């Protein structure tokens, strides 16, 4: 776990770092950090500049996952659609899917606006705690939604963040009727989200294209942003034989 956390640390800082800086940032003892770094060097995942005493990932780290986007998305059209939405709005744009009772941000292009909310790729949150999660749940049947809500509430630490089953079911039925979802102040206070389903799946799970930003900006541009998302979704063709258009289970 710590080895992976070191690689994730470099993804965030994107600069060479000394052992002491890595240990301090991650809260590790310096002795075990030294051992971990030496192991990653021996495996070829880190480079060590002996003169400057700095560590930095090698291209071998990139090779671990450079095949994943193609395996997940097939052609590059999904990424192109993300870029189209980002170019038209400047907002944070994300590709999201379901991971058990959580939504997971699979791919993200960060906002260019001064006022924005930062989300890391790979981050997860309960499906009940965002517009993206609600839209993902709208593809499930009611029994499955019931199960997900109950389990997500158990996994949600703050009682105030837990949702009532009846309220959530009413929200999801409304989303099914519209075919998209928008929300304010969830998951971030002062933030807004608009999202649409894509006509593909990732490993059998539904996929959502979403954008988010400051709530006032999202509110003012809601109709235009929604149209941009819907055009992007229509530009993506289902992939065969693994991905098919999503059929709602109602």
Protein backbone atom coordinates (compact mmCIF):
# COMPACT_ATOMS: atom_id res chain seq x y z
CA UNK A 1 0.00 0.00 0.00
CA UNK A 2 2.80 2.40 0.91
CA UNK A 3 4.59 1.77 -2.37
CA UNK A 4 1.45 2.75 -4.26
CA UNK A 5 0.98 5.80 -2.03
CA UNK A 6 4.50 6.95 -2.93
CA UNK A 7 3.67 6.74 -6.64
CA UNK A 8 0.40 8.59 -6.05
CA UNK A 9 2.33 11.23 -4.10
CA UNK A 10 4.49 11.90 -7.16
CA UNK A 11 1.39 12.14 -9.32
CA UNK A 12 0.22 15.04 -7.13
CA UNK A 13 3.49 16.95 -6.71
CA UNK A 14 4.92 16.25 -10.20
CA UNK A 15 8.42 17.25 -9.07
CA UNK A 16 11.50 15.46 -7.70
CA UNK A 17 11.44 15.08 -3.93
CA UNK A 18 13.92 14.12 -1.23
CA UNK A 19 13.35 11.13 1.02
CA UNK A 20 12.66 13.36 4.02
CA UNK A 21 9.98 15.28 2.10
CA UNK A 22 8.28 12.06 1.00
CA UNK A 23 8.34 10.62 4.51
CA UNK A 24 6.99 13.83 6.03
CA UNK A 25 4.20 14.23 3.46
CA UNK A 26 2.99 10.64 3.87
CA UNK A 27 3.64 10.30 7.60
CA UNK A 28 6.07 7.39 7.22
CA UNK A 29 9.12 6.63 9.40
CA UNK A 30 12.28 7.65 7.54
CA UNK A 31 13.81 4.19 7.94
CA UNK A 32 10.96 2.35 6.21
CA UNK A 33 10.66 5.12 3.59
CA UNK A 34 14.30 4.58 2.67
CA UNK A 35 13.70 0.85 2.23
CA UNK A 36 10.61 1.45 0.09
CA UNK A 37 12.41 3.94 -2.13
CA UNK A 38 15.36 1.58 -2.62
CA UNK A 39 12.96 -1.21 -3.57
CA UNK A 40 11.17 0.98 -6.12
CA UNK A 41 14.55 1.98 -7.56
CA UNK A 42 15.63 -1.66 -7.86
CA UNK A 43 12.37 -2.46 -9.68
CA UNK A 44 12.92 0.43 -12.07
CA UNK A 45 9.99 2.60 -10.99
CA UNK A 46 12.00 5.42 -9.40
CA UNK A 47 15.15 7.25 -10.42
CA UNK A 48 17.56 8.54 -7.76
CA UNK A 49 19.75 11.58 -8.41
CA UNK A 50 22.63 10.86 -6.04
CA UNK A 51 24.14 14.33 -6.32
CA UNK A 52 20.90 16.16 -5.51
CA UNK A 53 19.53 13.26 -3.42
CA UNK A 54 16.16 13.51 -5.15
CA UNK A 55 13.73 10.83 -6.33
CA UNK A 56 11.44 10.90 -9.37
CA UNK A 57 9.35 8.26 -11.23
CA UNK A 58 10.65 6.65 -14.41
CA UNK A 59 8.71 5.97 -17.61
CA UNK A 60 8.15 2.43 -16.34
CA UNK A 61 5.44 3.85 -14.08
CA UNK A 62 3.65 5.20 -17.15
CA UNK A 63 3.89 1.83 -18.89
CA UNK A 64 1.89 0.22 -16.08
CA UNK A 65 -1.27 1.97 -17.18
CA UNK A 66 -0.79 3.49 -20.62
CA UNK A 67 -2.88 0.68 -22.13
CA UNK A 68 -5.82 1.16 -19.73
CA UNK A 69 -7.66 4.08 -21.43
CA UNK A 70 -7.83 2.17 -24.72
CA UNK A 71 -8.99 -0.99 -22.95
CA UNK A 72 -11.69 0.97 -21.10
CA UNK A 73 -12.81 3.37 -23.80
CA UNK A 74 -11.96 1.57 -27.06
CA UNK A 75 -11.37 4.36 -29.56
CA UNK A 76 -10.24 7.77 -28.42
CA UNK A 77 -13.67 9.28 -29.00
CA UNK A 78 -14.61 9.30 -25.30
CA UNK A 79 -11.51 11.33 -24.44
CA UNK A 80 -12.18 13.59 -27.43
CA UNK A 81 -15.73 14.14 -26.17
CA UNK A 82 -14.33 15.14 -22.77
CA UNK A 83 -11.98 17.61 -24.42
CA UNK A 84 -14.83 19.03 -26.50
CA UNK A 85 -16.86 19.69 -23.34
CA UNK A 86 -13.86 21.19 -21.58
CA UNK A 87 -13.06 23.46 -24.53
CA UNK A 88 -16.67 24.68 -24.66
CA UNK A 89 -17.07 25.28 -20.92
CA UNK A 90 -13.68 25.45 -19.20
CA UNK A 91 -15.24 23.52 -16.30
CA UNK A 92 -13.93 20.38 -14.62
CA UNK A 93 -15.02 17.47 -16.85
CA UNK A 94 -15.05 13.85 -15.76
CA UNK A 95 -15.78 10.31 -16.89
CA UNK A 96 -17.33 8.36 -14.03
CA UNK A 97 -18.54 4.85 -13.35
CA UNK A 98 -19.88 2.70 -10.52
CA UNK A 99 -17.57 0.78 -8.20
CA UNK A 100 -19.76 -1.23 -5.81
CA UNK A 101 -21.67 1.39 -3.72
CA UNK A 102 -19.36 4.19 -4.84
CA UNK A 103 -18.92 6.34 -7.90
CA UNK A 104 -15.35 6.53 -9.14
CA UNK A 105 -13.84 9.38 -11.13
CA UNK A 106 -12.11 7.45 -13.92
CA UNK A 107 -10.78 10.34 -16.00
CA UNK A 108 -10.69 14.07 -15.22
CA UNK A 109 -9.79 17.29 -17.00
CA UNK A 110 -9.45 20.03 -14.40
CA UNK A 111 -11.18 23.41 -14.68
CA UNK A 112 -9.39 26.48 -16.05
CA UNK A 113 -11.58 28.87 -14.04
CA UNK A 114 -10.12 30.70 -11.04
CA UNK A 115 -12.96 29.51 -8.81
CA UNK A 116 -13.09 25.72 -9.04
CA UNK A 117 -13.24 22.46 -7.09
CA UNK A 118 -10.41 19.95 -7.41
CA UNK A 119 -11.13 16.22 -7.70
CA UNK A 120 -8.43 13.58 -8.20
CA UNK A 121 -8.67 10.77 -10.74
CA UNK A 122 -9.52 7.51 -9.02
CA UNK A 123 -11.26 9.27 -6.12
CA UNK A 124 -14.43 7.58 -4.88
CA UNK A 125 -17.49 8.74 -2.94
CA UNK A 126 -20.82 7.06 -2.05
CA UNK A 127 -23.30 7.00 -4.95
CA UNK A 128 -25.80 8.80 -2.73
CA UNK A 129 -23.56 11.86 -2.32
CA UNK A 130 -23.45 13.37 -5.83
CA UNK A 131 -25.50 14.05 -8.94
CA UNK A 132 -23.24 11.67 -10.85
CA UNK A 133 -24.02 8.93 -8.34
CA UNK A 134 -27.75 9.57 -8.61
CA UNK A 135 -27.58 9.29 -12.40
CA UNK A 136 -25.64 6.04 -12.13
CA UNK A 137 -28.26 4.68 -9.73
CA UNK A 138 -31.02 5.62 -12.18
CA UNK A 139 -29.84 2.75 -14.41
CA UNK A 140 -30.58 0.17 -11.68
CA UNK A 141 -33.85 -1.48 -10.74
CA UNK A 142 -35.58 -0.37 -7.55
CA UNK A 143 -34.52 -3.38 -5.47
CA UNK A 144 -30.88 -2.78 -6.34
CA UNK A 145 -31.21 0.93 -5.54
CA UNK A 146 -32.73 0.06 -2.16
CA UNK A 147 -29.75 -2.16 -1.39
CA UNK A 148 -27.20 0.41 -2.54
CA UNK A 149 -28.77 3.23 -0.50
CA UNK A 150 -28.83 1.16 2.68
CA UNK A 151 -25.22 0.06 2.27
CA UNK A 152 -24.05 3.56 1.28
CA UNK A 153 -25.69 5.00 4.40
CA UNK A 154 -23.77 2.50 6.53
CA UNK A 155 -20.53 3.55 4.81
CA UNK A 156 -21.29 7.27 5.28
CA UNK A 157 -19.72 8.46 8.52
CA UNK A 158 -21.65 11.70 9.05
CA UNK A 159 -25.30 11.13 9.94
CA UNK A 160 -26.22 14.41 8.21
CA UNK A 161 -24.90 13.03 4.89
CA UNK A 162 -27.06 9.90 4.98
CA UNK A 163 -30.15 9.93 2.78
CA UNK A 164 -33.73 8.81 3.27
CA UNK A 165 -34.75 5.93 1.05
CA UNK A 166 -38.06 7.44 -0.04
CA UNK A 167 -36.53 10.83 -0.84
CA UNK A 168 -33.78 9.25 -2.93
CA UNK A 169 -36.20 7.01 -4.82
CA UNK A 170 -38.32 10.04 -5.75
CA UNK A 171 -35.22 11.87 -6.95
CA UNK A 172 -34.09 8.92 -9.07
CA UNK A 173 -37.53 8.50 -10.67
CA UNK A 174 -37.39 12.16 -11.68
CA UNK A 175 -33.92 11.67 -13.16
CA UNK A 176 -35.12 8.68 -15.20
CA UNK A 177 -37.79 10.86 -16.74
CA UNK A 178 -35.29 13.57 -17.75
CA UNK A 179 -32.38 11.40 -18.81
CA UNK A 180 -29.83 13.67 -17.15
CA UNK A 181 -29.09 15.04 -13.69
CA UNK A 182 -28.06 18.40 -12.26
CA UNK A 183 -27.59 19.44 -8.65
CA UNK A 184 -26.24 22.23 -6.49
CA UNK A 185 -24.14 22.08 -3.30
CA UNK A 186 -23.54 18.34 -3.68
CA UNK A 187 -20.93 16.99 -3.11
CA UNK A 188 -19.32 20.42 -2.54
CA UNK A 189 -20.99 23.36 -0.84
CA UNK A 190 -21.01 26.16 -3.42
CA UNK A 191 -20.56 23.75 -6.31
CA UNK A 192 -22.84 22.67 -9.12
CA UNK A 193 -22.90 19.57 -11.34
CA UNK A 194 -24.56 18.59 -14.62
CA UNK A 195 -24.16 15.08 -16.03
CA UNK A 196 -25.45 12.75 -18.75
CA UNK A 197 -25.23 9.03 -19.42
CA UNK A 198 -22.94 7.78 -22.17
CA UNK A 199 -24.02 5.00 -24.56
CA UNK A 200 -21.22 2.69 -23.38
CA UNK A 201 -20.29 0.64 -20.34
CA UNK A 202 -16.96 0.06 -18.62
CA UNK A 203 -16.57 -3.54 -17.45
CA UNK A 204 -20.35 -3.87 -17.54
CA UNK A 205 -20.96 -0.70 -15.53
CA UNK A 206 -22.81 2.43 -16.77
CA UNK A 207 -20.72 5.50 -17.59
CA UNK A 208 -21.50 9.15 -16.90
CA UNK A 209 -20.00 12.27 -18.48
CA UNK A 210 -20.21 15.17 -16.07
CA UNK A 211 -19.02 18.71 -15.51
CA UNK A 212 -18.82 20.75 -12.35
CA UNK A 213 -17.86 24.19 -11.08
CA UNK A 214 -18.96 27.16 -9.03
CA UNK A 215 -22.71 26.99 -8.48
CA UNK A 216 -23.50 30.49 -9.81
CA UNK A 217 -21.58 29.83 -13.03
CA UNK A 218 -23.23 26.45 -13.50
CA UNK A 219 -26.66 27.95 -12.85
CA UNK A 220 -26.16 30.79 -15.32
CA UNK A 221 -24.94 28.45 -18.07
CA UNK A 222 -27.12 25.42 -17.26
CA UNK A 223 -28.95 25.04 -20.57
CA UNK A 224 -25.86 25.66 -22.70
CA UNK A 225 -23.73 23.30 -20.63
CA UNK A 226 -26.40 20.60 -20.79
CA UNK A 227 -26.60 20.93 -24.58
CA UNK A 228 -22.81 20.63 -24.82
CA UNK A 229 -22.85 17.44 -22.73
CA UNK A 230 -25.71 15.93 -24.72
CA UNK A 231 -23.97 16.61 -28.04
CA UNK A 232 -20.79 15.02 -26.70
CA UNK A 233 -22.72 11.94 -25.56
CA UNK A 234 -24.38 11.57 -28.97
CA UNK A 235 -20.98 11.69 -30.67
CA UNK A 236 -19.91 8.47 -28.93
CA UNK A 237 -20.87 5.19 -30.54
CA UNK A 238 -21.33 1.99 -28.49
CA UNK A 239 -18.42 -0.43 -28.72
CA UNK A 240 -18.78 -4.05 -29.81
CA UNK A 241 -18.56 -6.69 -28.60
CA UNK A 242 -17.95 -5.56 -25.02
CA UNK A 243 -19.98 -2.34 -24.72
CA UNK A 244 -23.62 -1.88 -25.59
CA UNK A 245 -26.10 0.95 -25.11
CA UNK A 246 -27.42 1.09 -21.56
CA UNK A 247 -30.90 -0.33 -21.02
CA UNK A 248 -32.56 1.08 -17.93
CA UNK A 249 -33.80 -1.51 -15.44
CA UNK A 250 -36.96 -0.02 -14.02
